Amino acid sequence: MNRRRATLLACATGAAVIVLDQVTKTMVRTEIPRGDRHDLILGFDLVHVWNTGVAFGFLAGGGALLLVGTGLALLALIVFFVLHSGQPLVWLPTGLLLGGALGNLIDRAHQGHVTDFIKFPHFPAFNVADIAITFGVIALVLVLEGPGRRGRAGNG
């Protein structure tokens, strides 16, 4: 795949994540009072909570340090993508990670916190951006270390 197409796919994926994330968070903020919990199915709940940390509440209250760390991580991801954009499927984890990180940064910039709304039993609440980040990390590992990758590294 050429670099231009990979860049377009990464940007489109990131934009789709941001739109879905922001639309769902807006729906939660307007329809569910903060602190409310609604039972869905099989123990899954729809909630409205604020998160001042990163994914799943980690580093809550991190403030400026959290923003600087996120900015550096995004910069590293962009540099990685530029250097590896010709690699098959690298656009997918890049788009998921960028979209997820930017979706949560939009919340922090406008509200000072992130809106979380999906709650599984015995697990912190999360949102669409967190899902994209989680799947982005998994996809990145699979793209870099997945089937067929390890054998090639030793043959070079």
C-alpha atoms as a PDB file:
ATOM      1  CA  MET A   1       0.000   0.000   0.000  1.00  0.00           C
ATOM      2  CA  ASN A   2       1.315   3.434  -0.810  1.00  0.00           C
ATOM      3  CA  ARG A   3       1.903   6.010   1.924  1.00  0.00           C
ATOM      4  CA  ARG A   4      -0.770   8.403   0.680  1.00  0.00           C
ATOM      5  CA  ARG A   5      -3.490   5.751   0.820  1.00  0.00           C
ATOM      6  CA  ALA A   6      -2.301   4.586   4.249  1.00  0.00           C
ATOM      7  CA  THR A   7      -2.429   8.174   5.512  1.00  0.00           C
ATOM      8  CA  LEU A   8      -5.948   8.679   4.146  1.00  0.00           C
ATOM      9  CA  LEU A   9      -7.150   5.438   5.737  1.00  0.00           C
ATOM     10  CA  ALA A  10      -5.562   6.329   9.092  1.00  0.00           C
ATOM     11  CA  CYS A  11      -7.160   9.789   9.003  1.00  0.00           C
ATOM     12  CA  ALA A  12     -10.561   8.397   7.997  1.00  0.00           C
ATOM     13  CA  THR A  13     -10.419   5.803  10.779  1.00  0.00           C
ATOM     14  CA  GLY A  14      -9.396   8.435  13.324  1.00  0.00           C
ATOM     15  CA  ALA A  15     -12.147  10.804  12.176  1.00  0.00           C
ATOM     16  CA  ALA A  16     -14.776   8.041  12.394  1.00  0.00           C
ATOM     17  CA  VAL A  17     -13.668   7.214  15.950  1.00  0.00           C
ATOM     18  CA  ILE A  18     -13.805  10.877  16.977  1.00  0.00           C
ATOM     19  CA  VAL A  19     -17.289  11.378  15.510  1.00  0.00           C
ATOM     20  CA  LEU A  20     -18.706   8.201  17.087  1.00  0.00           C
ATOM     21  CA  ASP A  21     -17.031   9.003  20.406  1.00  0.00           C
ATOM     22  CA  GLN A  22     -18.269  12.594  20.549  1.00  0.00           C
ATOM     23  CA  VAL A  23     -21.808  11.730  19.423  1.00  0.00           C
ATOM     24  CA  THR A  24     -22.171   9.002  22.065  1.00  0.00           C
ATOM     25  CA  LYS A  25     -20.716  11.207  24.817  1.00  0.00           C
ATOM     26  CA  THR A  26     -23.048  14.062  23.872  1.00  0.00           C
ATOM     27  CA  MET A  27     -26.024  11.709  24.027  1.00  0.00           C
ATOM     28  CA  VAL A  28     -24.977  10.533  27.488  1.00  0.00           C
ATOM     29  CA  ARG A  29     -24.377  14.076  28.775  1.00  0.00           C
ATOM     30  CA  THR A  30     -27.778  15.267  27.544  1.00  0.00           C
ATOM     31  CA  GLU A  31     -29.877  12.193  28.400  1.00  0.00           C
ATOM     32  CA  ILE A  32     -28.397  10.702  31.587  1.00  0.00           C
ATOM     33  CA  PRO A  33     -27.830  12.763  34.732  1.00  0.00           C
ATOM     34  CA  ARG A  34     -24.297  12.462  36.087  1.00  0.00           C
ATOM     35  CA  GLY A  35     -24.066   9.567  38.524  1.00  0.00           C
ATOM     36  CA  ASP A  36     -27.097   7.709  37.169  1.00  0.00           C
ATOM     37  CA  ARG A  37     -26.913   4.027  36.288  1.00  0.00           C
ATOM     38  CA  HIS A  38     -29.254   2.183  33.910  1.00  0.00           C
ATOM     39  CA  ASP A  39     -29.239  -1.613  33.651  1.00  0.00           C
ATOM     40  CA  LEU A  40     -28.834  -2.855  30.095  1.00  0.00           C
ATOM     41  CA  ILE A  41     -28.318  -6.604  29.762  1.00  0.00           C
ATOM     42  CA  LEU A  42     -26.269  -9.301  31.491  1.00  0.00           C
ATOM     43  CA  GLY A  43     -24.884  -6.952  34.130  1.00  0.00           C
ATOM     44  CA  PHE A  44     -23.810  -4.270  31.674  1.00  0.00           C
ATOM     45  CA  ASP A  45     -24.803  -0.783  32.742  1.00  0.00           C
ATOM     46  CA  LEU A  46     -25.122   2.565  31.037  1.00  0.00           C
ATOM     47  CA  VAL A  47     -23.732   5.215  33.402  1.00  0.00           C
ATOM     48  CA  HIS A  48     -22.659   8.837  33.337  1.00  0.00           C
ATOM     49  CA  VAL A  49     -19.373   9.399  35.145  1.00  0.00           C
ATOM     50  CA  TRP A  50     -16.492  11.828  34.834  1.00  0.00           C
ATOM     51  CA  ASN A  51     -12.928  10.602  34.447  1.00  0.00           C
ATOM     52  CA  THR A  52      -9.979  12.917  35.104  1.00  0.00           C
ATOM     53  CA  GLY A  53      -7.425  10.193  34.305  1.00  0.00           C
ATOM     54  CA  VAL A  54      -6.536   8.292  31.162  1.00  0.00           C
ATOM     55  CA  ALA A  55      -8.206   5.126  29.897  1.00  0.00           C
ATOM     56  CA  PHE A  56     -10.230   3.362  32.583  1.00  0.00           C
ATOM     57  CA  GLY A  57      -9.436   6.017  35.223  1.00  0.00           C
ATOM     58  CA  PHE A  58      -5.686   5.384  35.357  1.00  0.00           C
ATOM     59  CA  LEU A  59      -3.702   8.445  36.553  1.00  0.00           C
ATOM     60  CA  ALA A  60      -6.843  10.271  37.730  1.00  0.00           C
ATOM     61  CA  GLY A  61      -6.175  13.921  38.487  1.00  0.00           C
ATOM     62  CA  GLY A  62      -2.975  13.991  36.393  1.00  0.00           C
ATOM     63  CA  GLY A  63      -3.718  17.492  35.044  1.00  0.00           C
ATOM     64  CA  ALA A  64      -0.998  19.127  32.936  1.00  0.00           C
ATOM     65  CA  LEU A  65       1.312  16.124  33.284  1.00  0.00           C
ATOM     66  CA  LEU A  66      -1.392  13.968  31.728  1.00  0.00           C
ATOM     67  CA  LEU A  67      -1.817  16.369  28.793  1.00  0.00           C
ATOM     68  CA  VAL A  68       1.933  16.562  28.179  1.00  0.00           C
ATOM     69  CA  GLY A  69       2.240  12.770  28.336  1.00  0.00           C
ATOM     70  CA  THR A  70      -0.651  12.322  25.927  1.00  0.00           C
ATOM     71  CA  GLY A  71       0.826  14.895  23.559  1.00  0.00           C
ATOM     72  CA  LEU A  72       4.206  13.142  23.579  1.00  0.00           C
ATOM     73  CA  ALA A  73       2.549   9.758  22.977  1.00  0.00           C
ATOM     74  CA  LEU A  74       0.613  11.193  20.016  1.00  0.00           C
ATOM     75  CA  LEU A  75       3.778  12.725  18.595  1.00  0.00           C
ATOM     76  CA  ALA A  76       5.582   9.380  18.936  1.00  0.00           C
ATOM     77  CA  LEU A  77       2.662   7.618  17.210  1.00  0.00           C
ATOM     78  CA  ILE A  78       2.752  10.084  14.303  1.00  0.00           C
ATOM     79  CA  VAL A  79       6.531   9.674  13.922  1.00  0.00           C
ATOM     80  CA  PHE A  80       6.114   5.888  14.044  1.00  0.00           C
ATOM     81  CA  PHE A  81       3.419   6.051  11.374  1.00  0.00           C
ATOM     82  CA  VAL A  82       5.489   8.284   9.096  1.00  0.00           C
ATOM     83  CA  LEU A  83       8.398   5.845   9.352  1.00  0.00           C
ATOM     84  CA  HIS A  84       6.238   2.720   8.868  1.00  0.00           C
ATOM     85  CA  SER A  85       3.292   3.886   6.745  1.00  0.00           C
ATOM     86  CA  GLY A  86       4.257   1.517   3.937  1.00  0.00           C
ATOM     87  CA  GLN A  87       3.782  -1.502   6.200  1.00  0.00           C
ATOM     88  CA  PRO A  88       0.531  -3.416   5.592  1.00  0.00           C
ATOM     89  CA  LEU A  89      -2.363  -2.451   7.899  1.00  0.00           C
ATOM     90  CA  VAL A  90      -0.339  -0.022  10.029  1.00  0.00           C
ATOM     91  CA  TRP A  91      -2.980   2.602   9.200  1.00  0.00           C
ATOM     92  CA  LEU A  92      -5.585   0.729  11.291  1.00  0.00           C
ATOM     93  CA  PRO A  93      -3.954   0.890  14.739  1.00  0.00           C
ATOM     94  CA  THR A  94      -2.698   4.387  13.963  1.00  0.00           C
ATOM     95  CA  GLY A  95      -6.215   5.619  13.153  1.00  0.00           C
ATOM     96  CA  LEU A  96      -7.752   3.887  16.174  1.00  0.00           C
ATOM     97  CA  LEU A  97      -5.118   5.238  18.561  1.00  0.00           C
ATOM     98  CA  LEU A  98      -5.183   8.780  17.170  1.00  0.00           C
ATOM     99  CA  GLY A  99      -8.983   8.906  17.092  1.00  0.00           C
ATOM    100  CA  GLY A 100      -9.307   7.549  20.610  1.00  0.00           C
ATOM    101  CA  ALA A 101      -6.680   9.835  22.089  1.00  0.00           C
ATOM    102  CA  LEU A 102      -8.049  12.909  20.316  1.00  0.00           C
ATOM    103  CA  GLY A 103     -11.633  12.016  21.280  1.00  0.00           C
ATOM    104  CA  ASN A 104     -10.686  12.054  24.949  1.00  0.00           C
ATOM    105  CA  LEU A 105      -8.501  15.159  24.543  1.00  0.00           C
ATOM    106  CA  ILE A 106     -11.489  17.017  23.087  1.00  0.00           C
ATOM    107  CA  ASP A 107     -13.395  16.255  26.290  1.00  0.00           C
ATOM    108  CA  ARG A 108     -10.500  17.390  28.484  1.00  0.00           C
ATOM    109  CA  ALA A 109     -10.082  20.630  26.539  1.00  0.00           C
ATOM    110  CA  HIS A 110     -13.790  21.517  26.684  1.00  0.00           C
ATOM    111  CA  GLN A 111     -14.804  20.100  30.062  1.00  0.00           C
ATOM    112  CA  GLY A 112     -11.702  19.315  32.092  1.00  0.00           C
ATOM    113  CA  HIS A 113     -12.690  15.632  32.268  1.00  0.00           C
ATOM    114  CA  VAL A 114     -13.730  12.735  30.047  1.00  0.00           C
ATOM    115  CA  THR A 115     -17.284  11.375  29.955  1.00  0.00           C
ATOM    116  CA  ASP A 116     -17.421   7.608  30.481  1.00  0.00           C
ATOM    117  CA  PHE A 117     -20.631   5.622  30.124  1.00  0.00           C
ATOM    118  CA  ILE A 118     -20.150   1.889  29.545  1.00  0.00           C
ATOM    119  CA  LYS A 119     -19.842  -0.141  32.744  1.00  0.00           C
ATOM    120  CA  PHE A 120     -19.109  -3.852  33.035  1.00  0.00           C
ATOM    121  CA  PRO A 121     -19.209  -5.615  36.393  1.00  0.00           C
ATOM    122  CA  HIS A 122     -15.957  -5.213  38.382  1.00  0.00           C
ATOM    123  CA  PHE A 123     -14.444  -2.926  35.744  1.00  0.00           C
ATOM    124  CA  PRO A 124     -14.118   0.871  35.509  1.00  0.00           C
ATOM    125  CA  ALA A 125     -16.504   2.749  33.204  1.00  0.00           C
ATOM    126  CA  PHE A 126     -15.200   3.597  29.755  1.00  0.00           C
ATOM    127  CA  ASN A 127     -16.229   5.122  26.410  1.00  0.00           C
ATOM    128  CA  VAL A 128     -15.837   4.693  22.640  1.00  0.00           C
ATOM    129  CA  ALA A 129     -12.436   6.433  22.647  1.00  0.00           C
ATOM    130  CA  ASP A 130     -11.171   3.984  25.273  1.00  0.00           C
ATOM    131  CA  ILE A 131     -12.421   1.066  23.166  1.00  0.00           C
ATOM    132  CA  ALA A 132     -10.584   2.456  20.119  1.00  0.00           C
ATOM    133  CA  ILE A 133      -7.371   2.877  22.127  1.00  0.00           C
ATOM    134  CA  THR A 134      -7.597  -0.675  23.487  1.00  0.00           C
ATOM    135  CA  PHE A 135      -8.247  -2.202  20.063  1.00  0.00           C
ATOM    136  CA  GLY A 136      -5.595   0.094  18.573  1.00  0.00           C
ATOM    137  CA  VAL A 137      -2.943  -1.301  20.925  1.00  0.00           C
ATOM    138  CA  ILE A 138      -4.029  -4.876  20.156  1.00  0.00           C
ATOM    139  CA  ALA A 139      -4.027  -4.150  16.412  1.00  0.00           C
ATOM    140  CA  LEU A 140      -0.582  -2.530  16.644  1.00  0.00           C
ATOM    141  CA  VAL A 141       0.854  -5.606  18.361  1.00  0.00           C
ATOM    142  CA  LEU A 142      -0.740  -7.863  15.729  1.00  0.00           C
ATOM    143  CA  VAL A 143       0.530  -5.709  12.849  1.00  0.00           C
ATOM    144  CA  LEU A 144       4.062  -5.598  14.253  1.00  0.00           C
ATOM    145  CA  GLU A 145       4.344  -9.067  15.779  1.00  0.00           C
ATOM    146  CA  GLY A 146       1.533 -11.077  14.217  1.00  0.00           C
ATOM    147  CA  PRO A 147       1.679 -14.201  12.099  1.00  0.00           C
ATOM    148  CA  GLY A 148       4.448 -14.112   9.526  1.00  0.00           C
ATOM    149  CA  ARG A 149       6.289 -11.165  11.126  1.00  0.00           C
ATOM    150  CA  ARG A 150       8.677 -13.025  13.444  1.00  0.00           C
ATOM    151  CA  GLY A 151       9.969 -15.345  10.734  1.00  0.00           C
ATOM    152  CA  ARG A 152      10.832 -12.411   8.472  1.00  0.00           C
ATOM    153  CA  ALA A 153      12.780 -10.573  11.168  1.00  0.00           C
ATOM    154  CA  GLY A 154      15.225 -13.468  11.523  1.00  0.00           C
ATOM    155  CA  ASN A 155      15.700 -13.884   7.776  1.00  0.00           C
ATOM    156  CA  GLY A 156      16.948 -10.355   7.108  1.00  0.00           C
END
